């Protein structure tokens, strides 16, 4: 099993960086939507927060 990750959005503001990522394990797996927030200090990650949600398939719509 190989974990795949696709960064969809990267936003930086001052010392904060936000990533919106779609990850999945196998083709056809709806995967997970992941939001990651990093606070950078002196060129290094000082803090990290993460939220994760299983992707829900909706009729005619997608989280991505």
PDB file of N, CA and C in Angstrom:
ATOM      1  N   UNK A   1       0.850  -1.182   0.000  1.00  0.00           N
ATOM      2  CA  UNK A   1       0.000   0.000   0.000  1.00  0.00           C
ATOM      3  C   UNK A   1       0.894   1.243   0.000  1.00  0.00           C
ATOM      4  N   UNK A   2       0.623   2.156  -0.900  1.00  0.00           N
ATOM      5  CA  UNK A   2       1.388   3.386  -1.001  1.00  0.00           C
ATOM      6  C   UNK A   2       0.473   4.576  -0.763  1.00  0.00           C
ATOM      7  N   UNK A   3       0.829   5.410   0.179  1.00  0.00           N
ATOM      8  CA  UNK A   3       0.053   6.612   0.456  1.00  0.00           C
ATOM      9  C   UNK A   3       0.387   7.673  -0.585  1.00  0.00           C
ATOM     10  N   UNK A   4      -0.628   8.230  -1.195  1.00  0.00           N
ATOM     11  CA  UNK A   4      -0.458   9.297  -2.180  1.00  0.00           C
ATOM     12  C   UNK A   4      -1.001  10.594  -1.597  1.00  0.00           C
ATOM     13  N   UNK A   5      -0.312  11.695  -1.838  1.00  0.00           N
ATOM     14  CA  UNK A   5      -0.751  13.013  -1.364  1.00  0.00           C
ATOM     15  C   UNK A   5      -0.661  14.011  -2.498  1.00  0.00           C
ATOM     16  N   UNK A   6      -1.704  14.798  -2.649  1.00  0.00           N
ATOM     17  CA  UNK A   6      -1.745  15.837  -3.673  1.00  0.00           C
ATOM     18  C   UNK A   6      -2.041  17.173  -3.011  1.00  0.00           C
ATOM     19  N   UNK A   7      -1.039  18.060  -2.907  1.00  0.00           N
ATOM     20  CA  UNK A   7      -1.308  19.395  -2.358  1.00  0.00           C
ATOM     21  C   UNK A   7      -2.187  20.173  -3.348  1.00  0.00           C
ATOM     22  N   UNK A   8      -3.306  20.695  -2.871  1.00  0.00           N
ATOM     23  CA  UNK A   8      -4.231  21.432  -3.725  1.00  0.00           C
ATOM     24  C   UNK A   8      -4.140  22.941  -3.527  1.00  0.00           C
ATOM     25  N   UNK A   9      -3.828  23.370  -2.310  1.00  0.00           N
ATOM     26  CA  UNK A   9      -3.690  24.798  -2.001  1.00  0.00           C
ATOM     27  C   UNK A   9      -2.542  24.973  -1.017  1.00  0.00           C
ATOM     28  N   UNK A  10      -1.750  25.995  -1.237  1.00  0.00           N
ATOM     29  CA  UNK A  10      -0.713  26.395  -0.282  1.00  0.00           C
ATOM     30  C   UNK A  10      -0.843  27.899  -0.113  1.00  0.00           C
ATOM     31  N   UNK A  11      -1.042  28.341   1.126  1.00  0.00           N
ATOM     32  CA  UNK A  11      -1.238  29.764   1.415  1.00  0.00           C
ATOM     33  C   UNK A  11      -0.288  30.158   2.533  1.00  0.00           C
ATOM     34  N   UNK A  12       0.424  31.254   2.348  1.00  0.00           N
ATOM     35  CA  UNK A  12       1.329  31.744   3.394  1.00  0.00           C
ATOM     36  C   UNK A  12       0.944  33.175   3.748  1.00  0.00           C
ATOM     37  N   UNK A  13       0.996  33.473   5.037  1.00  0.00           N
ATOM     38  CA  UNK A  13       0.712  34.816   5.532  1.00  0.00           C
ATOM     39  C   UNK A  13       1.589  35.046   6.758  1.00  0.00           C
ATOM     40  N   UNK A  14       2.596  35.880   6.609  1.00  0.00           N
ATOM     41  CA  UNK A  14       3.511  36.134   7.720  1.00  0.00           C
ATOM     42  C   UNK A  14       4.242  34.858   8.102  1.00  0.00           C
ATOM     43  N   UNK A  15       4.107  34.449   9.355  1.00  0.00           N
ATOM     44  CA  UNK A  15       4.803  33.248   9.822  1.00  0.00           C
ATOM     45  C   UNK A  15       3.929  31.990   9.765  1.00  0.00           C
ATOM     46  N   UNK A  16       2.748  32.092   9.114  1.00  0.00           N
ATOM     47  CA  UNK A  16       1.850  30.937   9.020  1.00  0.00           C
ATOM     48  C   UNK A  16       1.772  30.417   7.588  1.00  0.00           C
ATOM     49  N   UNK A  17       1.750  29.087   7.461  1.00  0.00           N
ATOM     50  CA  UNK A  17       1.604  28.429   6.159  1.00  0.00           C
ATOM     51  C   UNK A  17       0.470  27.420   6.287  1.00  0.00           C
ATOM     52  N   UNK A  18      -0.476  27.442   5.342  1.00  0.00           N
ATOM     53  CA  UNK A  18      -1.614  26.535   5.338  1.00  0.00           C
ATOM     54  C   UNK A  18      -1.546  25.656   4.092  1.00  0.00           C
ATOM     55  N   UNK A  19      -1.725  24.360   4.258  1.00  0.00           N
ATOM     56  CA  UNK A  19      -1.791  23.428   3.138  1.00  0.00           C
ATOM     57  C   UNK A  19      -3.133  22.721   3.158  1.00  0.00           C
ATOM     58  N   UNK A  20      -3.767  22.608   1.987  1.00  0.00           N
ATOM     59  CA  UNK A  20      -4.971  21.810   1.812  1.00  0.00           C
ATOM     60  C   UNK A  20      -4.567  20.658   0.914  1.00  0.00           C
ATOM     61  N   UNK A  21      -4.700  19.430   1.411  1.00  0.00           N
ATOM     62  CA  UNK A  21      -4.140  18.254   0.750  1.00  0.00           C
ATOM     63  C   UNK A  21      -5.207  17.181   0.589  1.00  0.00           C
ATOM     64  N   UNK A  22      -5.166  16.457  -0.535  1.00  0.00           N
ATOM     65  CA  UNK A  22      -5.992  15.267  -0.729  1.00  0.00           C
ATOM     66  C   UNK A  22      -5.047  14.074  -0.673  1.00  0.00           C
ATOM     67  N   UNK A  23      -5.314  13.108   0.219  1.00  0.00           N
ATOM     68  CA  UNK A  23      -4.479  11.905   0.300  1.00  0.00           C
ATOM     69  C   UNK A  23      -5.354  10.667   0.132  1.00  0.00           C
ATOM     70  N   UNK A  24      -4.772   9.598  -0.449  1.00  0.00           N
ATOM     71  CA  UNK A  24      -5.481   8.352  -0.644  1.00  0.00           C
ATOM     72  C   UNK A  24      -4.471   7.214  -0.703  1.00  0.00           C
ATOM     73  N   UNK A  25      -4.974   5.988  -0.502  1.00  0.00           N
ATOM     74  CA  UNK A  25      -4.103   4.814  -0.481  1.00  0.00           C
ATOM     75  C   UNK A  25      -4.113   4.033  -1.789  1.00  0.00           C
ATOM     76  N   UNK A  26      -5.282   3.844  -2.377  1.00  0.00           N
ATOM     77  CA  UNK A  26      -5.402   3.047  -3.593  1.00  0.00           C
ATOM     78  C   UNK A  26      -6.301   3.764  -4.587  1.00  0.00           C
ATOM     79  N   UNK A  27      -6.157   3.476  -5.883  1.00  0.00           N
ATOM     80  CA  UNK A  27      -7.063   4.072  -6.868  1.00  0.00           C
ATOM     81  C   UNK A  27      -8.515   3.731  -6.518  1.00  0.00           C
ATOM     82  N   UNK A  28      -9.381   4.696  -6.608  1.00  0.00           N
ATOM     83  CA  UNK A  28     -10.787   4.504  -6.268  1.00  0.00           C
ATOM     84  C   UNK A  28     -11.111   4.785  -4.814  1.00  0.00           C
ATOM     85  N   UNK A  29     -10.084   4.869  -3.976  1.00  0.00           N
ATOM     86  CA  UNK A  29     -10.262   5.226  -2.562  1.00  0.00           C
ATOM     87  C   UNK A  29     -10.587   6.718  -2.504  1.00  0.00           C
ATOM     88  N   UNK A  30     -11.723   7.114  -1.901  1.00  0.00           N
ATOM     89  CA  UNK A  30     -12.029   8.547  -1.846  1.00  0.00           C
ATOM     90  C   UNK A  30     -11.000   9.332  -1.033  1.00  0.00           C
ATOM     91  N   UNK A  31     -10.346   8.672  -0.090  1.00  0.00           N
ATOM     92  CA  UNK A  31      -9.254   9.297   0.647  1.00  0.00           C
ATOM     93  C   UNK A  31      -9.686  10.236   1.746  1.00  0.00           C
ATOM     94  N   UNK A  32      -8.780  11.167   2.055  1.00  0.00           N
ATOM     95  CA  UNK A  32      -8.986  12.128   3.133  1.00  0.00           C
ATOM     96  C   UNK A  32      -8.664  13.545   2.646  1.00  0.00           C
ATOM     97  N   UNK A  33      -9.408  14.501   3.195  1.00  0.00           N
ATOM     98  CA  UNK A  33      -9.100  15.918   3.006  1.00  0.00           C
ATOM     99  C   UNK A  33      -8.333  16.339   4.261  1.00  0.00           C
ATOM    100  N   UNK A  34      -7.175  16.950   4.073  1.00  0.00           N
ATOM    101  CA  UNK A  34      -6.319  17.309   5.201  1.00  0.00           C
ATOM    102  C   UNK A  34      -6.001  18.793   5.139  1.00  0.00           C
ATOM    103  N   UNK A  35      -6.151  19.461   6.263  1.00  0.00           N
ATOM    104  CA  UNK A  35      -5.741  20.858   6.413  1.00  0.00           C
ATOM    105  C   UNK A  35      -4.575  20.901   7.390  1.00  0.00           C
ATOM    106  N   UNK A  36      -3.468  21.451   6.968  1.00  0.00           N
ATOM    107  CA  UNK A  36      -2.287  21.544   7.829  1.00  0.00           C
ATOM    108  C   UNK A  36      -1.903  23.007   7.987  1.00  0.00           C
ATOM    109  N   UNK A  37      -1.616  23.409   9.206  1.00  0.00           N
ATOM    110  CA  UNK A  37      -1.166  24.768   9.487  1.00  0.00           C
ATOM    111  C   UNK A  37       0.173  24.687  10.197  1.00  0.00           C
ATOM    112  N   UNK A  38       1.136  25.424   9.678  1.00  0.00           N
ATOM    113  CA  UNK A  38       2.469  25.478  10.274  1.00  0.00           C
ATOM    114  C   UNK A  38       2.780  26.909  10.690  1.00  0.00           C
ATOM    115  N   UNK A  39       3.385  27.082  11.851  1.00  0.00           N
ATOM    116  CA  UNK A  39       3.943  28.374  12.233  1.00  0.00           C
ATOM    117  C   UNK A  39       5.453  28.225  12.148  1.00  0.00           C
ATOM    118  N   UNK A  40       6.064  29.109  11.361  1.00  0.00           N
ATOM    119  CA  UNK A  40       7.500  29.038  11.108  1.00  0.00           C
ATOM    120  C   UNK A  40       8.206  30.127  11.909  1.00  0.00           C
ATOM    121  N   UNK A  41       9.310  29.750  12.536  1.00  0.00           N
ATOM    122  CA  UNK A  41      10.107  30.697  13.315  1.00  0.00           C
ATOM    123  C   UNK A  41      11.583  30.437  13.014  1.00  0.00           C
ATOM    124  N   UNK A  42      12.288  31.468  12.578  1.00  0.00           N
ATOM    125  CA  UNK A  42      13.709  31.342  12.229  1.00  0.00           C
ATOM    126  C   UNK A  42      13.957  30.234  11.205  1.00  0.00           C
ATOM    127  N   UNK A  43      13.069  30.123  10.217  1.00  0.00           N
ATOM    128  CA  UNK A  43      13.237  29.145   9.144  1.00  0.00           C
ATOM    129  C   UNK A  43      12.900  27.713   9.516  1.00  0.00           C
ATOM    130  N   UNK A  44      12.343  27.493  10.708  1.00  0.00           N
ATOM    131  CA  UNK A  44      11.998  26.145  11.152  1.00  0.00           C
ATOM    132  C   UNK A  44      10.544  26.099  11.610  1.00  0.00           C
ATOM    133  N   UNK A  45       9.949  24.917  11.540  1.00  0.00           N
ATOM    134  CA  UNK A  45       8.581  24.746  12.009  1.00  0.00           C
ATOM    135  C   UNK A  45       8.571  24.826  13.531  1.00  0.00           C
ATOM    136  N   UNK A  46       7.852  25.809  14.067  1.00  0.00           N
ATOM    137  CA  UNK A  46       7.759  25.991  15.514  1.00  0.00           C
ATOM    138  C   UNK A  46       6.496  25.326  16.072  1.00  0.00           C
ATOM    139  N   UNK A  47       5.410  25.334  15.274  1.00  0.00           N
ATOM    140  CA  UNK A  47       4.153  24.707  15.687  1.00  0.00           C
ATOM    141  C   UNK A  47       3.489  24.090  14.473  1.00  0.00           C
ATOM    142  N   UNK A  48       2.652  23.061  14.724  1.00  0.00           N
ATOM    143  CA  UNK A  48       1.952  22.375  13.640  1.00  0.00           C
ATOM    144  C   UNK A  48       0.576  21.943  14.137  1.00  0.00           C
ATOM    145  N   UNK A  49      -0.451  22.224  13.337  1.00  0.00           N
ATOM    146  CA  UNK A  49      -1.819  21.785  13.618  1.00  0.00           C
ATOM    147  C   UNK A  49      -2.325  21.065  12.383  1.00  0.00           C
ATOM    148  N   UNK A  50      -3.214  20.095  12.598  1.00  0.00           N
ATOM    149  CA  UNK A  50      -3.733  19.323  11.472  1.00  0.00           C
ATOM    150  C   UNK A  50      -5.174  18.919  11.739  1.00  0.00           C
ATOM    151  N   UNK A  51      -5.993  19.015  10.702  1.00  0.00           N
ATOM    152  CA  UNK A  51      -7.357  18.489  10.752  1.00  0.00           C
ATOM    153  C   UNK A  51      -7.527  17.568   9.552  1.00  0.00           C
ATOM    154  N   UNK A  52      -8.321  16.502   9.757  1.00  0.00           N
ATOM    155  CA  UNK A  52      -8.468  15.506   8.713  1.00  0.00           C
ATOM    156  C   UNK A  52      -9.919  15.044   8.659  1.00  0.00           C
ATOM    157  N   UNK A  53     -10.422  14.817   7.439  1.00  0.00           N
ATOM    158  CA  UNK A  53     -11.787  14.335   7.259  1.00  0.00           C
ATOM    159  C   UNK A  53     -11.809  13.348   6.103  1.00  0.00           C
ATOM    160  N   UNK A  54     -12.519  12.250   6.286  1.00  0.00           N
ATOM    161  CA  UNK A  54     -12.710  11.306   5.197  1.00  0.00           C
ATOM    162  C   UNK A  54     -13.534  11.987   4.108  1.00  0.00           C
ATOM    163  N   UNK A  55     -13.116  11.818   2.861  1.00  0.00           N
ATOM    164  CA  UNK A  55     -13.843  12.420   1.743  1.00  0.00           C
ATOM    165  C   UNK A  55     -15.176  11.696   1.585  1.00  0.00           C
ATOM    166  N   UNK A  56     -16.226  12.461   1.507  1.00  0.00           N
ATOM    167  CA  UNK A  56     -17.572  11.921   1.347  1.00  0.00           C
ATOM    168  C   UNK A  56     -17.991  12.094  -0.108  1.00  0.00           C
ATOM    169  N   UNK A  57     -18.400  11.012  -0.733  1.00  0.00           N
ATOM    170  CA  UNK A  57     -18.883  11.106  -2.116  1.00  0.00           C
ATOM    171  C   UNK A  57     -20.309  11.636  -2.091  1.00  0.00           C
ATOM    172  N   UNK A  58     -20.554  12.702  -2.850  1.00  0.00           N
ATOM    173  CA  UNK A  58     -21.882  13.309  -2.916  1.00  0.00           C
ATOM    174  C   UNK A  58     -22.344  13.276  -4.362  1.00  0.00           C
ATOM    175  N   UNK A  59     -23.590  13.036  -4.570  1.00  0.00           N
ATOM    176  CA  UNK A  59     -24.154  12.979  -5.916  1.00  0.00           C
ATOM    177  C   UNK A  59     -23.894  14.263  -6.696  1.00  0.00           C
ATOM    178  N   UNK A  60     -23.090  14.165  -7.751  1.00  0.00           N
ATOM    179  CA  UNK A  60     -22.837  15.304  -8.635  1.00  0.00           C
ATOM    180  C   UNK A  60     -21.906  16.374  -8.065  1.00  0.00           C
ATOM    181  N   UNK A  61     -21.365  16.160  -6.844  1.00  0.00           N
ATOM    182  CA  UNK A  61     -20.464  17.164  -6.264  1.00  0.00           C
ATOM    183  C   UNK A  61     -19.257  16.460  -5.675  1.00  0.00           C
ATOM    184  N   UNK A  62     -18.198  17.228  -5.468  1.00  0.00           N
ATOM    185  CA  UNK A  62     -16.996  16.674  -4.880  1.00  0.00           C
ATOM    186  C   UNK A  62     -16.351  17.696  -3.957  1.00  0.00           C
ATOM    187  N   UNK A  63     -15.645  17.215  -2.956  1.00  0.00           N
ATOM    188  CA  UNK A  63     -14.897  18.132  -2.072  1.00  0.00           C
ATOM    189  C   UNK A  63     -13.734  18.760  -2.841  1.00  0.00           C
ATOM    190  N   UNK A  64     -13.358  18.144  -3.956  1.00  0.00           N
ATOM    191  CA  UNK A  64     -12.227  18.630  -4.736  1.00  0.00           C
ATOM    192  C   UNK A  64     -12.679  19.016  -6.094  1.00  0.00           C
TER     193      UNK A  64
END
